[in-house]
Amino acid sequence: MLFVRRKERSEIDEIIVSANKVLSRIDTVTGEPIKYPIKECWCYYEKMSEQHASNPRTIIN
């Protein structure tokens, strides 16, 4: 499970990262995915699972 924290907001959005560097945010109201370019909308993502506890944060340039 991946989550993203954007600089301009304190909320954490559930995301799905695809191979072509486009991520899909799940709209919490409609449940529909919202796709947007990685570099425009967020500065880093946190891997919020025990499986990735050894590397909990990855910086995205």
PDB file of N, CA and C in Angstrom:
ATOM      1  N   MET A   1       0.851  -1.190   0.000  1.00  0.00           N
ATOM      2  CA  MET A   1       0.000   0.000   0.000  1.00  0.00           C
ATOM      3  C   MET A   1       0.885   1.237   0.000  1.00  0.00           C
ATOM      4  N   LEU A   2       0.647   2.126  -0.928  1.00  0.00           N
ATOM      5  CA  LEU A   2       1.431   3.355  -1.025  1.00  0.00           C
ATOM      6  C   LEU A   2       0.555   4.563  -0.719  1.00  0.00           C
ATOM      7  N   PHE A   3       1.143   5.510  -0.028  1.00  0.00           N
ATOM      8  CA  PHE A   3       0.444   6.751   0.261  1.00  0.00           C
ATOM      9  C   PHE A   3       1.318   7.919  -0.166  1.00  0.00           C
ATOM     10  N   VAL A   4       0.688   9.039  -0.504  1.00  0.00           N
ATOM     11  CA  VAL A   4       1.447  10.225  -0.903  1.00  0.00           C
ATOM     12  C   VAL A   4       1.044  11.400  -0.023  1.00  0.00           C
ATOM     13  N   ARG A   5       2.045  12.172   0.385  1.00  0.00           N
ATOM     14  CA  ARG A   5       1.792  13.393   1.142  1.00  0.00           C
ATOM     15  C   ARG A   5       2.267  14.565   0.284  1.00  0.00           C
ATOM     16  N   ARG A   6       1.343  15.449  -0.108  1.00  0.00           N
ATOM     17  CA  ARG A   6       1.708  16.562  -0.965  1.00  0.00           C
ATOM     18  C   ARG A   6       2.124  17.772  -0.130  1.00  0.00           C
ATOM     19  N   LYS A   7       3.057  18.553  -0.673  1.00  0.00           N
ATOM     20  CA  LYS A   7       3.586  19.711   0.044  1.00  0.00           C
ATOM     21  C   LYS A   7       2.489  20.697   0.437  1.00  0.00           C
ATOM     22  N   GLU A   8       1.561  20.946  -0.467  1.00  0.00           N
ATOM     23  CA  GLU A   8       0.576  21.995  -0.241  1.00  0.00           C
ATOM     24  C   GLU A   8      -0.582  21.559   0.653  1.00  0.00           C
ATOM     25  N   ARG A   9      -0.635  20.282   0.990  1.00  0.00           N
ATOM     26  CA  ARG A   9      -1.709  19.792   1.844  1.00  0.00           C
ATOM     27  C   ARG A   9      -1.160  18.804   2.861  1.00  0.00           C
ATOM     28  N   SER A  10      -1.866  18.679   3.956  1.00  0.00           N
ATOM     29  CA  SER A  10      -1.423  17.753   4.995  1.00  0.00           C
ATOM     30  C   SER A  10      -2.064  16.383   4.830  1.00  0.00           C
ATOM     31  N   GLU A  11      -3.014  16.284   3.920  1.00  0.00           N
ATOM     32  CA  GLU A  11      -3.718  15.023   3.729  1.00  0.00           C
ATOM     33  C   GLU A  11      -2.813  13.978   3.077  1.00  0.00           C
ATOM     34  N   ILE A  12      -3.129  12.744   3.320  1.00  0.00           N
ATOM     35  CA  ILE A  12      -2.405  11.644   2.702  1.00  0.00           C
ATOM     36  C   ILE A  12      -3.366  10.926   1.775  1.00  0.00           C
ATOM     37  N   ASP A  13      -3.006  10.841   0.503  1.00  0.00           N
ATOM     38  CA  ASP A  13      -3.869  10.232  -0.497  1.00  0.00           C
ATOM     39  C   ASP A  13      -3.381   8.841  -0.841  1.00  0.00           C
ATOM     40  N   GLU A  14      -4.312   7.929  -0.974  1.00  0.00           N
ATOM     41  CA  GLU A  14      -3.956   6.603  -1.445  1.00  0.00           C
ATOM     42  C   GLU A  14      -3.615   6.696  -2.931  1.00  0.00           C
ATOM     43  N   ILE A  15      -2.508   6.087  -3.310  1.00  0.00           N
ATOM     44  CA  ILE A  15      -2.074   6.171  -4.698  1.00  0.00           C
ATOM     45  C   ILE A  15      -1.663   4.817  -5.239  1.00  0.00           C
ATOM     46  N   ILE A  16      -1.666   4.738  -6.546  1.00  0.00           N
ATOM     47  CA  ILE A  16      -1.135   3.578  -7.244  1.00  0.00           C
ATOM     48  C   ILE A  16      -0.107   4.103  -8.235  1.00  0.00           C
ATOM     49  N   VAL A  17       1.128   3.624  -8.125  1.00  0.00           N
ATOM     50  CA  VAL A  17       2.182   4.093  -9.021  1.00  0.00           C
ATOM     51  C   VAL A  17       2.339   3.108 -10.170  1.00  0.00           C
ATOM     52  N   SER A  18       2.228   3.604 -11.372  1.00  0.00           N
ATOM     53  CA  SER A  18       2.363   2.747 -12.544  1.00  0.00           C
ATOM     54  C   SER A  18       3.766   2.842 -13.110  1.00  0.00           C
ATOM     55  N   ALA A  19       4.091   1.961 -14.030  1.00  0.00           N
ATOM     56  CA  ALA A  19       5.449   1.863 -14.566  1.00  0.00           C
ATOM     57  C   ALA A  19       5.861   3.109 -15.333  1.00  0.00           C
ATOM     58  N   ASN A  20       4.905   3.839 -15.904  1.00  0.00           N
ATOM     59  CA  ASN A  20       5.247   5.005 -16.709  1.00  0.00           C
ATOM     60  C   ASN A  20       5.258   6.299 -15.899  1.00  0.00           C
ATOM     61  N   LYS A  21       5.442   6.180 -14.584  1.00  0.00           N
ATOM     62  CA  LYS A  21       5.618   7.337 -13.709  1.00  0.00           C
ATOM     63  C   LYS A  21       4.377   8.223 -13.630  1.00  0.00           C
ATOM     64  N   VAL A  22       3.223   7.662 -13.855  1.00  0.00           N
ATOM     65  CA  VAL A  22       1.970   8.381 -13.630  1.00  0.00           C
ATOM     66  C   VAL A  22       1.291   7.711 -12.459  1.00  0.00           C
ATOM     67  N   LEU A  23       0.811   8.503 -11.505  1.00  0.00           N
ATOM     68  CA  LEU A  23       0.168   7.881 -10.367  1.00  0.00           C
ATOM     69  C   LEU A  23      -1.323   8.157 -10.386  1.00  0.00           C
ATOM     70  N   SER A  24      -2.050   7.285  -9.743  1.00  0.00           N
ATOM     71  CA  SER A  24      -3.491   7.374  -9.712  1.00  0.00           C
ATOM     72  C   SER A  24      -3.929   7.575  -8.265  1.00  0.00           C
ATOM     73  N   ARG A  25      -4.569   8.688  -7.990  1.00  0.00           N
ATOM     74  CA  ARG A  25      -5.068   8.965  -6.654  1.00  0.00           C
ATOM     75  C   ARG A  25      -6.543   8.556  -6.592  1.00  0.00           C
ATOM     76  N   ILE A  26      -6.904   7.909  -5.506  1.00  0.00           N
ATOM     77  CA  ILE A  26      -8.286   7.501  -5.354  1.00  0.00           C
ATOM     78  C   ILE A  26      -9.080   8.649  -4.745  1.00  0.00           C
ATOM     79  N   ASP A  27     -10.093   9.119  -5.457  1.00  0.00           N
ATOM     80  CA  ASP A  27     -10.955  10.171  -4.937  1.00  0.00           C
ATOM     81  C   ASP A  27     -11.753   9.617  -3.770  1.00  0.00           C
ATOM     82  N   THR A  28     -11.652  10.263  -2.624  1.00  0.00           N
ATOM     83  CA  THR A  28     -12.295   9.729  -1.429  1.00  0.00           C
ATOM     84  C   THR A  28     -13.820   9.877  -1.451  1.00  0.00           C
ATOM     85  N   VAL A  29     -14.329  10.715  -2.332  1.00  0.00           N
ATOM     86  CA  VAL A  29     -15.772  10.906  -2.425  1.00  0.00           C
ATOM     87  C   VAL A  29     -16.401   9.930  -3.408  1.00  0.00           C
ATOM     88  N   THR A  30     -15.838   9.888  -4.628  1.00  0.00           N
ATOM     89  CA  THR A  30     -16.436   9.061  -5.675  1.00  0.00           C
ATOM     90  C   THR A  30     -15.844   7.666  -5.760  1.00  0.00           C
ATOM     91  N   GLY A  31     -14.628   7.508  -5.225  1.00  0.00           N
ATOM     92  CA  GLY A  31     -13.960   6.221  -5.318  1.00  0.00           C
ATOM     93  C   GLY A  31     -13.292   5.993  -6.661  1.00  0.00           C
ATOM     94  N   GLU A  32     -13.340   7.010  -7.533  1.00  0.00           N
ATOM     95  CA  GLU A  32     -12.741   6.897  -8.855  1.00  0.00           C
ATOM     96  C   GLU A  32     -11.270   7.324  -8.813  1.00  0.00           C
ATOM     97  N   PRO A  33     -10.407   6.691  -9.621  1.00  0.00           N
ATOM     98  CA  PRO A  33      -9.000   7.101  -9.662  1.00  0.00           C
ATOM     99  C   PRO A  33      -8.818   8.417 -10.413  1.00  0.00           C
ATOM    100  N   ILE A  34      -7.903   9.238  -9.912  1.00  0.00           N
ATOM    101  CA  ILE A  34      -7.554  10.492 -10.573  1.00  0.00           C
ATOM    102  C   ILE A  34      -6.085  10.399 -10.960  1.00  0.00           C
ATOM    103  N   LYS A  35      -5.794  10.478 -12.252  1.00  0.00           N
ATOM    104  CA  LYS A  35      -4.411  10.332 -12.707  1.00  0.00           C
ATOM    105  C   LYS A  35      -3.785  11.692 -12.961  1.00  0.00           C
ATOM    106  N   TYR A  36      -2.509  11.816 -12.585  1.00  0.00           N
ATOM    107  CA  TYR A  36      -1.763  13.040 -12.832  1.00  0.00           C
ATOM    108  C   TYR A  36      -0.279  12.740 -12.796  1.00  0.00           C
ATOM    109  N   PRO A  37       0.555  13.582 -13.440  1.00  0.00           N
ATOM    110  CA  PRO A  37       1.998  13.343 -13.482  1.00  0.00           C
ATOM    111  C   PRO A  37       2.615  13.409 -12.093  1.00  0.00           C
ATOM    112  N   ILE A  38       3.517  12.501 -11.819  1.00  0.00           N
ATOM    113  CA  ILE A  38       4.177  12.442 -10.519  1.00  0.00           C
ATOM    114  C   ILE A  38       4.857  13.759 -10.150  1.00  0.00           C
ATOM    115  N   LYS A  39       5.627  14.339 -11.049  1.00  0.00           N
ATOM    116  CA  LYS A  39       6.478  15.473 -10.703  1.00  0.00           C
ATOM    117  C   LYS A  39       5.691  16.746 -10.393  1.00  0.00           C
ATOM    118  N   GLU A  40       4.437  16.825 -10.844  1.00  0.00           N
ATOM    119  CA  GLU A  40       3.669  18.044 -10.658  1.00  0.00           C
ATOM    120  C   GLU A  40       2.942  18.097  -9.322  1.00  0.00           C
ATOM    121  N   CYS A  41       2.693  16.960  -8.708  1.00  0.00           N
ATOM    122  CA  CYS A  41       1.765  16.957  -7.582  1.00  0.00           C
ATOM    123  C   CYS A  41       2.309  16.500  -6.247  1.00  0.00           C
ATOM    124  N   TRP A  42       3.499  15.923  -6.214  1.00  0.00           N
ATOM    125  CA  TRP A  42       3.977  15.468  -4.914  1.00  0.00           C
ATOM    126  C   TRP A  42       5.476  15.400  -4.832  1.00  0.00           C
ATOM    127  N   CYS A  43       5.987  15.521  -3.645  1.00  0.00           N
ATOM    128  CA  CYS A  43       7.426  15.582  -3.449  1.00  0.00           C
ATOM    129  C   CYS A  43       8.013  14.262  -2.972  1.00  0.00           C
ATOM    130  N   TYR A  44       7.234  13.428  -2.302  1.00  0.00           N
ATOM    131  CA  TYR A  44       7.726  12.121  -1.886  1.00  0.00           C
ATOM    132  C   TYR A  44       6.562  11.205  -1.551  1.00  0.00           C
ATOM    133  N   TYR A  45       6.834   9.942  -1.470  1.00  0.00           N
ATOM    134  CA  TYR A  45       5.814   9.018  -0.993  1.00  0.00           C
ATOM    135  C   TYR A  45       6.395   8.130   0.094  1.00  0.00           C
ATOM    136  N   GLU A  46       5.511   7.711   0.940  1.00  0.00           N
ATOM    137  CA  GLU A  46       5.921   6.854   2.026  1.00  0.00           C
ATOM    138  C   GLU A  46       5.321   5.475   1.815  1.00  0.00           C
ATOM    139  N   LYS A  47       6.145   4.449   2.005  1.00  0.00           N
ATOM    140  CA  LYS A  47       5.656   3.086   1.916  1.00  0.00           C
ATOM    141  C   LYS A  47       5.155   2.692   3.301  1.00  0.00           C
ATOM    142  N   MET A  48       3.855   2.727   3.471  1.00  0.00           N
ATOM    143  CA  MET A  48       3.273   2.551   4.793  1.00  0.00           C
ATOM    144  C   MET A  48       2.902   1.091   5.036  1.00  0.00           C
ATOM    145  N   SER A  49       3.880   0.237   4.953  1.00  0.00           N
ATOM    146  CA  SER A  49       3.624  -1.168   5.229  1.00  0.00           C
ATOM    147  C   SER A  49       4.819  -1.801   5.913  1.00  0.00           C
ATOM    148  N   GLU A  50       4.582  -2.854   6.646  1.00  0.00           N
ATOM    149  CA  GLU A  50       5.654  -3.527   7.371  1.00  0.00           C
ATOM    150  C   GLU A  50       6.658  -4.170   6.416  1.00  0.00           C
ATOM    151  N   GLN A  51       6.210  -4.499   5.219  1.00  0.00           N
ATOM    152  CA  GLN A  51       7.081  -5.130   4.235  1.00  0.00           C
ATOM    153  C   GLN A  51       8.214  -4.206   3.817  1.00  0.00           C
ATOM    154  N   HIS A  52       7.983  -2.900   3.882  1.00  0.00           N
ATOM    155  CA  HIS A  52       8.985  -1.936   3.457  1.00  0.00           C
ATOM    156  C   HIS A  52       9.525  -1.140   4.635  1.00  0.00           C
ATOM    157  N   ALA A  53       9.474  -1.731   5.816  1.00  0.00           N
ATOM    158  CA  ALA A  53       9.895  -1.009   7.013  1.00  0.00           C
ATOM    159  C   ALA A  53      11.367  -0.610   6.972  1.00  0.00           C
ATOM    160  N   SER A  54      12.174  -1.355   6.228  1.00  0.00           N
ATOM    161  CA  SER A  54      13.598  -1.045   6.138  1.00  0.00           C
ATOM    162  C   SER A  54      13.860   0.177   5.262  1.00  0.00           C
ATOM    163  N   ASN A  55      12.903   0.535   4.398  1.00  0.00           N
ATOM    164  CA  ASN A  55      13.043   1.698   3.523  1.00  0.00           C
ATOM    165  C   ASN A  55      11.704   2.438   3.465  1.00  0.00           C
ATOM    166  N   PRO A  56      11.316   3.102   4.561  1.00  0.00           N
ATOM    167  CA  PRO A  56       9.978   3.659   4.669  1.00  0.00           C
ATOM    168  C   PRO A  56       9.719   4.902   3.816  1.00  0.00           C
ATOM    169  N   ARG A  57      10.782   5.585   3.375  1.00  0.00           N
ATOM    170  CA  ARG A  57      10.553   6.814   2.616  1.00  0.00           C
ATOM    171  C   ARG A  57      11.479   6.866   1.408  1.00  0.00           C
ATOM    172  N   THR A  58      10.921   7.187   0.257  1.00  0.00           N
ATOM    173  CA  THR A  58      11.711   7.326  -0.963  1.00  0.00           C
ATOM    174  C   THR A  58      11.502   8.732  -1.507  1.00  0.00           C
ATOM    175  N   ILE A  59      12.577   9.439  -1.752  1.00  0.00           N
ATOM    176  CA  ILE A  59      12.483  10.804  -2.267  1.00  0.00           C
ATOM    177  C   ILE A  59      12.341  10.762  -3.788  1.00  0.00           C
ATOM    178  N   ILE A  60      11.399  11.540  -4.301  1.00  0.00           N
ATOM    179  CA  ILE A  60      11.181  11.634  -5.745  1.00  0.00           C
ATOM    180  C   ILE A  60      11.673  12.997  -6.216  1.00  0.00           C
ATOM    181  N   ASN A  61      12.623  13.006  -7.145  1.00  0.00           N
ATOM    182  CA  ASN A  61      13.153  14.267  -7.656  1.00  0.00           C
ATOM    183  C   ASN A  61      12.293  14.815  -8.774  1.00  0.00           C
TER     184      ASN A  61
END
